[in-house]
Amino acid sequence: MQDTRKALVLFSGGQDSTTCLAWALDRYAEVETLAFDYGQRHRIELDCRNTVRAQIAAQFPAWAGKLGADHLLDLSLLGQISDTALTSERAIELQANGLPNTFVPGRNLLFLTFAATLAYRRGASVLVGGMCETDFSGYPDCRDNTMKALQVALSLGLDAPMTLETPLMFIDKAATWRLAESLGGDALVKLIVEETHTCYLGERGALHDWGHGCGHCPACELRAKGFAGYRNGT
């Protein structure tokens, strides 16, 4: 049965958020999308969003009527106070604390707080994000415990139930590709390959079998490895 609640999807224009958008459109009566411009090095992902949204509406009529407004919030202050490989031209490497320097402290905490604020105003009570603690770079704000704590804090702070859905939390990238296929068939997989963006360096050159990207940053390696596993059935 279709869930009659309204959902707001954190939609960056990447593989994971596009899969989450399809997941939400398959379940909820109305779905809006939200992205953040925080001075990210791979800002090209924001340009991909419009194409992905338009193609989803064109190729999947059952979802088109559910796809509502899109929102883009300026969080450039986050980029100004961050010193990471995602917000400045730096080599990607591990830090002394064991985390990669692509970790932007507070990013998901801020994203979800602003998302909840917007959702409250727009009459949405479900937030959907592509956070995952199975195939990821070790970011603490992608963990299930962080999401559970935020759900409680946001619901209490708004005095309104706010559900955080993370459909990718416990699956790897190969399973994420399979989930996309189960939701939208080969057409959705093709759309994700050709139009979404994941590469940390913002590379949109050659189209690999798994999509555009430099092929060697952590995001590209995860995406390529997951696609190979998906194609090989592993």
C-alpha atoms as a PDB file:
ATOM      1  CA  MET A   1       0.000   0.000   0.000  1.00  0.00           C
ATOM      2  CA  GLN A   2       1.140   3.527  -0.760  1.00  0.00           C
ATOM      3  CA  ASP A   3       2.210   5.602   2.219  1.00  0.00           C
ATOM      4  CA  THR A   4       0.123   8.776   2.256  1.00  0.00           C
ATOM      5  CA  ARG A   5       2.810  10.846   3.948  1.00  0.00           C
ATOM      6  CA  LYS A   6       4.875  13.450   2.116  1.00  0.00           C
ATOM      7  CA  ALA A   7       8.614  12.813   1.859  1.00  0.00           C
ATOM      8  CA  LEU A   8      11.588  15.084   1.332  1.00  0.00           C
ATOM      9  CA  VAL A   9      14.606  13.407  -0.295  1.00  0.00           C
ATOM     10  CA  LEU A  10      18.146  14.688   0.172  1.00  0.00           C
ATOM     11  CA  PHE A  11      18.989  14.580  -3.521  1.00  0.00           C
ATOM     12  CA  SER A  12      22.528  15.525  -4.511  1.00  0.00           C
ATOM     13  CA  GLY A  13      22.448  14.128  -8.029  1.00  0.00           C
ATOM     14  CA  GLY A  14      24.600  11.090  -7.261  1.00  0.00           C
ATOM     15  CA  GLN A  15      24.005   7.349  -7.535  1.00  0.00           C
ATOM     16  CA  ASP A  16      22.876   6.858  -3.948  1.00  0.00           C
ATOM     17  CA  SER A  17      20.516   9.817  -3.740  1.00  0.00           C
ATOM     18  CA  THR A  18      18.973   8.967  -7.126  1.00  0.00           C
ATOM     19  CA  THR A  19      18.307   5.428  -5.923  1.00  0.00           C
ATOM     20  CA  CYS A  20      16.772   6.877  -2.756  1.00  0.00           C
ATOM     21  CA  LEU A  21      14.610   9.214  -4.833  1.00  0.00           C
ATOM     22  CA  ALA A  22      13.276   6.256  -6.826  1.00  0.00           C
ATOM     23  CA  TRP A  23      12.722   4.350  -3.565  1.00  0.00           C
ATOM     24  CA  ALA A  24      10.696   7.254  -2.147  1.00  0.00           C
ATOM     25  CA  LEU A  25       8.680   7.761  -5.334  1.00  0.00           C
ATOM     26  CA  ASP A  26       7.766   4.085  -5.233  1.00  0.00           C
ATOM     27  CA  ARG A  27       6.384   4.448  -1.684  1.00  0.00           C
ATOM     28  CA  TYR A  28       5.072   7.899  -0.892  1.00  0.00           C
ATOM     29  CA  ALA A  29       2.170   9.901  -2.240  1.00  0.00           C
ATOM     30  CA  GLU A  30       4.254  13.032  -2.770  1.00  0.00           C
ATOM     31  CA  VAL A  31       7.998  13.540  -2.896  1.00  0.00           C
ATOM     32  CA  GLU A  32      10.032  16.741  -2.936  1.00  0.00           C
ATOM     33  CA  THR A  33      13.796  17.018  -3.336  1.00  0.00           C
ATOM     34  CA  LEU A  34      16.458  19.075  -1.614  1.00  0.00           C
ATOM     35  CA  ALA A  35      20.142  19.739  -2.246  1.00  0.00           C
ATOM     36  CA  PHE A  36      22.810  21.915  -0.675  1.00  0.00           C
ATOM     37  CA  ASP A  37      25.457  24.113  -2.231  1.00  0.00           C
ATOM     38  CA  TYR A  38      28.239  24.151   0.352  1.00  0.00           C
ATOM     39  CA  GLY A  39      31.167  24.988  -1.891  1.00  0.00           C
ATOM     40  CA  GLN A  40      31.816  21.336  -2.697  1.00  0.00           C
ATOM     41  CA  ARG A  41      34.667  20.584  -5.053  1.00  0.00           C
ATOM     42  CA  HIS A  42      32.366  18.337  -7.085  1.00  0.00           C
ATOM     43  CA  ARG A  43      29.682  21.006  -7.437  1.00  0.00           C
ATOM     44  CA  ILE A  44      28.941  19.646 -10.911  1.00  0.00           C
ATOM     45  CA  GLU A  45      26.674  17.144  -9.151  1.00  0.00           C
ATOM     46  CA  LEU A  46      24.205  19.983  -8.615  1.00  0.00           C
ATOM     47  CA  ASP A  47      23.988  20.504 -12.372  1.00  0.00           C
ATOM     48  CA  CYS A  48      23.208  16.799 -12.876  1.00  0.00           C
ATOM     49  CA  ARG A  49      20.195  16.947 -10.564  1.00  0.00           C
ATOM     50  CA  ASN A  50      17.923  18.776 -12.977  1.00  0.00           C
ATOM     51  CA  THR A  51      18.637  16.303 -15.770  1.00  0.00           C
ATOM     52  CA  VAL A  52      18.033  13.319 -13.498  1.00  0.00           C
ATOM     53  CA  ARG A  53      14.751  14.750 -12.189  1.00  0.00           C
ATOM     54  CA  ALA A  54      13.559  15.547 -15.719  1.00  0.00           C
ATOM     55  CA  GLN A  55      14.459  12.085 -16.995  1.00  0.00           C
ATOM     56  CA  ILE A  56      12.740  10.357 -14.087  1.00  0.00           C
ATOM     57  CA  ALA A  57       9.566  12.337 -14.809  1.00  0.00           C
ATOM     58  CA  ALA A  58       9.793  11.565 -18.529  1.00  0.00           C
ATOM     59  CA  GLN A  59      10.660   7.866 -18.286  1.00  0.00           C
ATOM     60  CA  PHE A  60       8.545   6.820 -15.308  1.00  0.00           C
ATOM     61  CA  PRO A  61       4.992   8.183 -15.669  1.00  0.00           C
ATOM     62  CA  ALA A  62       3.803   6.508 -12.463  1.00  0.00           C
ATOM     63  CA  TRP A  63       6.352   8.556 -10.541  1.00  0.00           C
ATOM     64  CA  ALA A  64       6.015  11.804 -12.482  1.00  0.00           C
ATOM     65  CA  GLY A  65       2.773  12.793 -10.761  1.00  0.00           C
ATOM     66  CA  LYS A  66       4.323  12.273  -7.333  1.00  0.00           C
ATOM     67  CA  LEU A  67       7.455  14.319  -7.973  1.00  0.00           C
ATOM     68  CA  GLY A  68       6.975  17.701  -6.373  1.00  0.00           C
ATOM     69  CA  ALA A  69       9.066  20.815  -5.887  1.00  0.00           C
ATOM     70  CA  ASP A  70      12.848  20.931  -5.831  1.00  0.00           C
ATOM     71  CA  HIS A  71      14.835  23.044  -3.369  1.00  0.00           C
ATOM     72  CA  LEU A  72      18.467  24.181  -3.340  1.00  0.00           C
ATOM     73  CA  LEU A  73      19.824  25.757  -0.152  1.00  0.00           C
ATOM     74  CA  ASP A  74      22.969  27.848   0.114  1.00  0.00           C
ATOM     75  CA  LEU A  75      25.215  26.457   2.838  1.00  0.00           C
ATOM     76  CA  SER A  76      28.392  28.110   1.599  1.00  0.00           C
ATOM     77  CA  LEU A  77      29.327  28.939   5.187  1.00  0.00           C
ATOM     78  CA  LEU A  78      29.989  25.208   5.724  1.00  0.00           C
ATOM     79  CA  GLY A  79      32.566  25.274   2.954  1.00  0.00           C
ATOM     80  CA  GLN A  80      34.136  28.421   4.383  1.00  0.00           C
ATOM     81  CA  ILE A  81      34.737  26.894   7.804  1.00  0.00           C
ATOM     82  CA  SER A  82      35.755  23.457   6.495  1.00  0.00           C
ATOM     83  CA  ASP A  83      39.265  22.408   5.587  1.00  0.00           C
ATOM     84  CA  THR A  84      38.696  19.212   3.640  1.00  0.00           C
ATOM     85  CA  ALA A  85      39.473  17.602   0.299  1.00  0.00           C
ATOM     86  CA  LEU A  86      35.803  18.022  -0.681  1.00  0.00           C
ATOM     87  CA  THR A  87      35.820  21.793  -0.186  1.00  0.00           C
ATOM     88  CA  SER A  88      39.332  22.714  -1.381  1.00  0.00           C
ATOM     89  CA  GLU A  89      41.926  21.587  -3.916  1.00  0.00           C
ATOM     90  CA  ARG A  90      43.806  19.073  -1.773  1.00  0.00           C
ATOM     91  CA  ALA A  91      45.022  15.534  -2.233  1.00  0.00           C
ATOM     92  CA  ILE A  92      42.697  12.891  -0.783  1.00  0.00           C
ATOM     93  CA  GLU A  93      44.391  11.099   2.108  1.00  0.00           C
ATOM     94  CA  LEU A  94      43.819   9.591   5.535  1.00  0.00           C
ATOM     95  CA  GLN A  95      44.124  11.837   8.574  1.00  0.00           C
ATOM     96  CA  ALA A  96      45.734  11.047  11.917  1.00  0.00           C
ATOM     97  CA  ASN A  97      42.308  10.168  13.378  1.00  0.00           C
ATOM     98  CA  GLY A  98      41.813   7.443  10.752  1.00  0.00           C
ATOM     99  CA  LEU A  99      39.174   9.351   8.779  1.00  0.00           C
ATOM    100  CA  PRO A 100      39.763  10.426   5.184  1.00  0.00           C
ATOM    101  CA  ASN A 101      40.115  14.167   4.677  1.00  0.00           C
ATOM    102  CA  THR A 102      36.995  14.020   2.496  1.00  0.00           C
ATOM    103  CA  PHE A 103      35.002  13.976   5.754  1.00  0.00           C
ATOM    104  CA  VAL A 104      33.226  17.341   6.163  1.00  0.00           C
ATOM    105  CA  PRO A 105      32.549  17.675   9.909  1.00  0.00           C
ATOM    106  CA  GLY A 106      28.922  18.412  10.696  1.00  0.00           C
ATOM    107  CA  ARG A 107      27.734  18.112   7.101  1.00  0.00           C
ATOM    108  CA  ASN A 108      24.963  15.552   7.550  1.00  0.00           C
ATOM    109  CA  LEU A 109      24.017  17.021  10.921  1.00  0.00           C
ATOM    110  CA  LEU A 110      23.432  20.396   9.266  1.00  0.00           C
ATOM    111  CA  PHE A 111      21.845  18.893   6.158  1.00  0.00           C
ATOM    112  CA  LEU A 112      19.237  17.002   8.143  1.00  0.00           C
ATOM    113  CA  THR A 113      18.518  19.916  10.466  1.00  0.00           C
ATOM    114  CA  PHE A 114      17.847  22.215   7.518  1.00  0.00           C
ATOM    115  CA  ALA A 115      15.940  19.445   5.738  1.00  0.00           C
ATOM    116  CA  ALA A 116      13.705  18.956   8.774  1.00  0.00           C
ATOM    117  CA  THR A 117      13.092  22.694   8.975  1.00  0.00           C
ATOM    118  CA  LEU A 118      12.063  22.801   5.319  1.00  0.00           C
ATOM    119  CA  ALA A 119      10.002  19.616   5.668  1.00  0.00           C
ATOM    120  CA  TYR A 120       8.108  21.125   8.604  1.00  0.00           C
ATOM    121  CA  ARG A 121       7.189  24.161   6.506  1.00  0.00           C
ATOM    122  CA  ARG A 122       6.277  22.045   3.470  1.00  0.00           C
ATOM    123  CA  GLY A 123       4.100  19.585   5.378  1.00  0.00           C
ATOM    124  CA  ALA A 124       6.473  16.632   4.976  1.00  0.00           C
ATOM    125  CA  SER A 125       7.136  14.236   7.836  1.00  0.00           C
ATOM    126  CA  VAL A 126       9.641  11.844   6.204  1.00  0.00           C
ATOM    127  CA  LEU A 127      13.258  12.635   5.360  1.00  0.00           C
ATOM    128  CA  VAL A 128      15.054  10.220   3.015  1.00  0.00           C
ATOM    129  CA  GLY A 129      18.839  10.114   2.719  1.00  0.00           C
ATOM    130  CA  GLY A 130      21.480   7.880   1.143  1.00  0.00           C
ATOM    131  CA  MET A 131      23.600   7.448   4.275  1.00  0.00           C
ATOM    132  CA  CYS A 132      25.239   4.036   4.477  1.00  0.00           C
ATOM    133  CA  GLU A 133      27.545   2.361   6.970  1.00  0.00           C
ATOM    134  CA  THR A 134      28.287  -0.738   4.869  1.00  0.00           C
ATOM    135  CA  ASP A 135      30.137   0.579   1.806  1.00  0.00           C
ATOM    136  CA  PHE A 136      31.404   3.975   2.905  1.00  0.00           C
ATOM    137  CA  SER A 137      34.510   5.925   3.912  1.00  0.00           C
ATOM    138  CA  GLY A 138      33.993   5.675   7.662  1.00  0.00           C
ATOM    139  CA  TYR A 139      32.155   8.970   8.119  1.00  0.00           C
ATOM    140  CA  PRO A 140      30.620   9.038  11.627  1.00  0.00           C
ATOM    141  CA  ASP A 141      27.622  11.084  10.435  1.00  0.00           C
ATOM    142  CA  CYS A 142      26.618   8.267   8.049  1.00  0.00           C
ATOM    143  CA  ARG A 143      26.123   5.693  10.794  1.00  0.00           C
ATOM    144  CA  ASP A 144      22.759   4.294  11.805  1.00  0.00           C
ATOM    145  CA  ASN A 145      23.192   5.376  15.431  1.00  0.00           C
ATOM    146  CA  THR A 146      23.733   8.975  14.289  1.00  0.00           C
ATOM    147  CA  MET A 147      20.552   8.831  12.214  1.00  0.00           C
ATOM    148  CA  LYS A 148      18.527   7.373  15.085  1.00  0.00           C
ATOM    149  CA  ALA A 149      19.761  10.059  17.455  1.00  0.00           C
ATOM    150  CA  LEU A 150      18.970  12.793  14.931  1.00  0.00           C
ATOM    151  CA  GLN A 151      15.481  11.437  14.365  1.00  0.00           C
ATOM    152  CA  VAL A 152      14.762  11.712  18.076  1.00  0.00           C
ATOM    153  CA  ALA A 153      16.334  15.167  18.387  1.00  0.00           C
ATOM    154  CA  LEU A 154      14.531  16.595  15.350  1.00  0.00           C
ATOM    155  CA  SER A 155      11.155  15.187  16.368  1.00  0.00           C
ATOM    156  CA  LEU A 156      11.545  16.586  19.873  1.00  0.00           C
ATOM    157  CA  GLY A 157      12.855  19.940  18.703  1.00  0.00           C
ATOM    158  CA  LEU A 158      10.042  20.427  16.208  1.00  0.00           C
ATOM    159  CA  ASP A 159       7.402  18.880  18.472  1.00  0.00           C
ATOM    160  CA  ALA A 160       6.307  16.871  15.443  1.00  0.00           C
ATOM    161  CA  PRO A 161       7.157  13.316  14.354  1.00  0.00           C
ATOM    162  CA  MET A 162      10.010  13.361  11.807  1.00  0.00           C
ATOM    163  CA  THR A 163      10.994   9.983  10.337  1.00  0.00           C
ATOM    164  CA  LEU A 164      14.485   9.527   8.880  1.00  0.00           C
ATOM    165  CA  GLU A 165      14.586   6.797   6.248  1.00  0.00           C
ATOM    166  CA  THR A 166      17.956   5.463   5.058  1.00  0.00           C
ATOM    167  CA  PRO A 167      17.196   2.630   2.606  1.00  0.00           C
ATOM    168  CA  LEU A 168      20.884   2.074   1.796  1.00  0.00           C
ATOM    169  CA  MET A 169      22.157   1.945   5.373  1.00  0.00           C
ATOM    170  CA  PHE A 170      22.970  -1.765   5.534  1.00  0.00           C
ATOM    171  CA  ILE A 171      23.595  -2.677   1.893  1.00  0.00           C
ATOM    172  CA  ASP A 172      26.740  -2.420  -0.234  1.00  0.00           C
ATOM    173  CA  LYS A 173      27.135  -0.687  -3.584  1.00  0.00           C
ATOM    174  CA  ALA A 174      26.391  -3.832  -5.585  1.00  0.00           C
ATOM    175  CA  ALA A 175      23.107  -4.171  -3.715  1.00  0.00           C
ATOM    176  CA  THR A 176      22.426  -0.471  -4.329  1.00  0.00           C
ATOM    177  CA  TRP A 177      22.660  -1.099  -8.084  1.00  0.00           C
ATOM    178  CA  ARG A 178      20.348  -4.103  -7.677  1.00  0.00           C
ATOM    179  CA  LEU A 179      17.887  -1.990  -5.715  1.00  0.00           C
ATOM    180  CA  ALA A 180      17.801   0.546  -8.526  1.00  0.00           C
ATOM    181  CA  GLU A 181      17.098  -2.233 -11.031  1.00  0.00           C
ATOM    182  CA  SER A 182      14.296  -3.623  -8.879  1.00  0.00           C
ATOM    183  CA  LEU A 183      12.693  -0.174  -8.719  1.00  0.00           C
ATOM    184  CA  GLY A 184      13.056   1.036 -12.287  1.00  0.00           C
ATOM    185  CA  GLY A 185      14.563  -1.780 -14.339  1.00  0.00           C
ATOM    186  CA  ASP A 186      17.352  -1.323 -16.849  1.00  0.00           C
ATOM    187  CA  ALA A 187      16.081   2.162 -17.673  1.00  0.00           C
ATOM    188  CA  LEU A 188      16.825   3.447 -14.177  1.00  0.00           C
ATOM    189  CA  VAL A 189      20.223   1.735 -14.088  1.00  0.00           C
ATOM    190  CA  LYS A 190      21.091   3.347 -17.438  1.00  0.00           C
ATOM    191  CA  LEU A 191      19.953   6.736 -16.192  1.00  0.00           C
ATOM    192  CA  ILE A 192      22.108   6.413 -13.088  1.00  0.00           C
ATOM    193  CA  VAL A 193      25.127   5.345 -15.128  1.00  0.00           C
ATOM    194  CA  GLU A 194      24.857   8.137 -17.675  1.00  0.00           C
ATOM    195  CA  GLU A 195      23.468  11.122 -15.799  1.00  0.00           C
ATOM    196  CA  THR A 196      24.330  10.967 -12.086  1.00  0.00           C
ATOM    197  CA  HIS A 197      27.596  12.162 -10.549  1.00  0.00           C
ATOM    198  CA  THR A 198      29.633  10.659  -7.707  1.00  0.00           C
ATOM    199  CA  CYS A 199      33.301  11.513  -8.399  1.00  0.00           C
ATOM    200  CA  TYR A 200      34.873  13.633  -5.643  1.00  0.00           C
ATOM    201  CA  LEU A 201      37.047  15.450  -8.204  1.00  0.00           C
ATOM    202  CA  GLY A 202      34.104  16.505 -10.350  1.00  0.00           C
ATOM    203  CA  GLU A 203      35.390  14.623 -13.406  1.00  0.00           C
ATOM    204  CA  ARG A 204      32.758  14.307 -16.162  1.00  0.00           C
ATOM    205  CA  GLY A 205      35.001  13.120 -18.987  1.00  0.00           C
ATOM    206  CA  ALA A 206      34.851   9.618 -20.384  1.00  0.00           C
ATOM    207  CA  LEU A 207      31.793   7.470 -19.683  1.00  0.00           C
ATOM    208  CA  HIS A 208      32.865   4.191 -18.046  1.00  0.00           C
ATOM    209  CA  ASP A 209      30.519   1.222 -17.806  1.00  0.00           C
ATOM    210  CA  TRP A 210      29.687   2.387 -14.259  1.00  0.00           C
ATOM    211  CA  GLY A 211      29.383   6.094 -15.095  1.00  0.00           C
ATOM    212  CA  HIS A 212      31.473   9.270 -15.336  1.00  0.00           C
ATOM    213  CA  GLY A 213      34.395   9.876 -12.995  1.00  0.00           C
ATOM    214  CA  CYS A 214      38.148   9.969 -12.487  1.00  0.00           C
ATOM    215  CA  GLY A 215      38.156   6.268 -11.615  1.00  0.00           C
ATOM    216  CA  HIS A 216      40.593   6.507  -8.723  1.00  0.00           C
ATOM    217  CA  CYS A 217      39.044   8.645  -5.975  1.00  0.00           C
ATOM    218  CA  PRO A 218      37.294   6.723  -3.148  1.00  0.00           C
ATOM    219  CA  ALA A 219      33.823   7.516  -4.525  1.00  0.00           C
ATOM    220  CA  CYS A 220      34.687   6.261  -8.004  1.00  0.00           C
ATOM    221  CA  GLU A 221      36.365   3.132  -6.659  1.00  0.00           C
ATOM    222  CA  LEU A 222      33.292   2.248  -4.582  1.00  0.00           C
ATOM    223  CA  ARG A 223      30.940   2.898  -7.475  1.00  0.00           C
ATOM    224  CA  ALA A 224      33.023   0.912  -9.983  1.00  0.00           C
ATOM    225  CA  LYS A 225      33.546  -2.003  -7.602  1.00  0.00           C
ATOM    226  CA  GLY A 226      29.840  -2.092  -6.787  1.00  0.00           C
ATOM    227  CA  PHE A 227      28.863  -2.045 -10.452  1.00  0.00           C
ATOM    228  CA  ALA A 228      31.245  -4.914 -11.191  1.00  0.00           C
ATOM    229  CA  GLY A 229      29.711  -6.914  -8.346  1.00  0.00           C
ATOM    230  CA  TYR A 230      26.218  -6.110  -9.595  1.00  0.00           C
ATOM    231  CA  ARG A 231      27.052  -7.259 -13.126  1.00  0.00           C
ATOM    232  CA  ASN A 232      28.787 -10.410 -11.842  1.00  0.00           C
ATOM    233  CA  GLY A 233      25.964 -11.247  -9.461  1.00  0.00           C
ATOM    234  CA  THR A 234      28.152 -11.011  -6.348  1.00  0.00           C
END
